[in-house]
Amino acid sequence: MADDEAKKEKKARQAADAKIAWAEYEANHAAVEKNTERLRALRLAKEAREAAEPKPAKVSRSRKK
């Protein structure tokens, strides 16, 4: 009887640990997704800014020999 209770207690601890680990995994995944979205928005804003700016004319410098 005591052996069965010990096994049940061990399984309950493992289930609790698994639940905590899964919650940590999901929290980390959500943080990565949030950061990815932030970085994507920054990149798109930068690209839009750069596209709106006039490009400087290329200066041709010829060398005299």
C-alpha atoms as a PDB file:
ATOM      1  CA  MET A   1       0.000   0.000   0.000  1.00  0.00           C
ATOM      2  CA  ALA A   2       2.732   2.463   0.924  1.00  0.00           C
ATOM      3  CA  ASP A   3       4.451   1.692  -2.387  1.00  0.00           C
ATOM      4  CA  ASP A   4       1.316   2.656  -4.336  1.00  0.00           C
ATOM      5  CA  GLU A   5       1.021   5.916  -2.426  1.00  0.00           C
ATOM      6  CA  ALA A   6       4.672   6.718  -3.092  1.00  0.00           C
ATOM      7  CA  LYS A   7       4.175   6.098  -6.801  1.00  0.00           C
ATOM      8  CA  LYS A   8       1.076   8.312  -6.840  1.00  0.00           C
ATOM      9  CA  GLU A   9       2.935  11.051  -4.981  1.00  0.00           C
ATOM     10  CA  LYS A  10       5.870  10.793  -7.402  1.00  0.00           C
ATOM     11  CA  LYS A  11       3.535  11.009 -10.407  1.00  0.00           C
ATOM     12  CA  ALA A  12       1.778  14.001  -8.862  1.00  0.00           C
ATOM     13  CA  ARG A  13       5.157  15.771  -8.359  1.00  0.00           C
ATOM     14  CA  GLN A  14       6.166  14.973 -11.933  1.00  0.00           C
ATOM     15  CA  ALA A  15       2.867  16.308 -13.243  1.00  0.00           C
ATOM     16  CA  ALA A  16       3.290  19.508 -11.221  1.00  0.00           C
ATOM     17  CA  ASP A  17       6.877  19.901 -12.475  1.00  0.00           C
ATOM     18  CA  ALA A  18       5.743  19.319 -16.040  1.00  0.00           C
ATOM     19  CA  LYS A  19       3.018  21.944 -15.666  1.00  0.00           C
ATOM     20  CA  ILE A  20       5.554  24.479 -14.360  1.00  0.00           C
ATOM     21  CA  ALA A  21       8.029  23.642 -17.127  1.00  0.00           C
ATOM     22  CA  TRP A  22       5.336  24.012 -19.796  1.00  0.00           C
ATOM     23  CA  ALA A  23       4.271  27.386 -18.376  1.00  0.00           C
ATOM     24  CA  GLU A  24       7.908  28.569 -18.447  1.00  0.00           C
ATOM     25  CA  TYR A  25       8.276  27.345 -22.027  1.00  0.00           C
ATOM     26  CA  GLU A  26       5.144  29.181 -23.110  1.00  0.00           C
ATOM     27  CA  ALA A  27       6.239  32.364 -21.317  1.00  0.00           C
ATOM     28  CA  ASN A  28       9.645  32.248 -23.020  1.00  0.00           C
ATOM     29  CA  HIS A  29       8.012  31.620 -26.394  1.00  0.00           C
ATOM     30  CA  ALA A  30       5.654  34.567 -25.885  1.00  0.00           C
ATOM     31  CA  ALA A  31       8.598  36.812 -24.937  1.00  0.00           C
ATOM     32  CA  VAL A  32      10.509  35.789 -28.068  1.00  0.00           C
ATOM     33  CA  GLU A  33       7.443  36.412 -30.247  1.00  0.00           C
ATOM     34  CA  LYS A  34       6.900  39.837 -28.671  1.00  0.00           C
ATOM     35  CA  ASN A  35      10.536  40.788 -29.239  1.00  0.00           C
ATOM     36  CA  THR A  36      10.403  39.523 -32.825  1.00  0.00           C
ATOM     37  CA  GLU A  37       7.344  41.676 -33.517  1.00  0.00           C
ATOM     38  CA  ARG A  38       9.058  44.708 -31.957  1.00  0.00           C
ATOM     39  CA  LEU A  39      12.192  44.223 -34.032  1.00  0.00           C
ATOM     40  CA  ARG A  40      10.149  43.657 -37.204  1.00  0.00           C
ATOM     41  CA  ALA A  41       8.256  46.918 -36.596  1.00  0.00           C
ATOM     42  CA  LEU A  42      11.537  48.787 -36.071  1.00  0.00           C
ATOM     43  CA  ARG A  43      13.015  47.322 -39.254  1.00  0.00           C
ATOM     44  CA  LEU A  44       9.948  48.166 -41.325  1.00  0.00           C
ATOM     45  CA  ALA A  45       9.892  51.722 -39.960  1.00  0.00           C
ATOM     46  CA  LYS A  46      13.576  52.141 -40.797  1.00  0.00           C
ATOM     47  CA  GLU A  47      13.066  50.795 -44.312  1.00  0.00           C
ATOM     48  CA  ALA A  48      10.117  53.153 -44.841  1.00  0.00           C
ATOM     49  CA  ARG A  49      12.183  56.106 -43.592  1.00  0.00           C
ATOM     50  CA  GLU A  50      15.076  55.203 -45.870  1.00  0.00           C
ATOM     51  CA  ALA A  51      12.765  54.776 -48.870  1.00  0.00           C
ATOM     52  CA  ALA A  52      11.251  58.226 -48.275  1.00  0.00           C
ATOM     53  CA  GLU A  53      14.639  59.979 -48.109  1.00  0.00           C
ATOM     54  CA  PRO A  54      16.144  61.177 -51.373  1.00  0.00           C
ATOM     55  CA  LYS A  55      19.291  59.308 -52.224  1.00  0.00           C
ATOM     56  CA  PRO A  56      22.398  61.472 -52.465  1.00  0.00           C
ATOM     57  CA  ALA A  57      23.762  61.934 -55.959  1.00  0.00           C
ATOM     58  CA  LYS A  58      26.860  59.917 -56.684  1.00  0.00           C
ATOM     59  CA  VAL A  59      29.914  62.070 -57.080  1.00  0.00           C
ATOM     60  CA  SER A  60      32.154  61.069 -59.921  1.00  0.00           C
ATOM     61  CA  ARG A  61      35.748  61.859 -59.216  1.00  0.00           C
ATOM     62  CA  SER A  62      38.060  61.467 -62.122  1.00  0.00           C
ATOM     63  CA  ARG A  63      41.717  61.208 -61.441  1.00  0.00           C
ATOM     64  CA  LYS A  64      44.122  63.232 -63.486  1.00  0.00           C
ATOM     65  CA  LYS A  65      47.212  61.425 -64.492  1.00  0.00           C
END
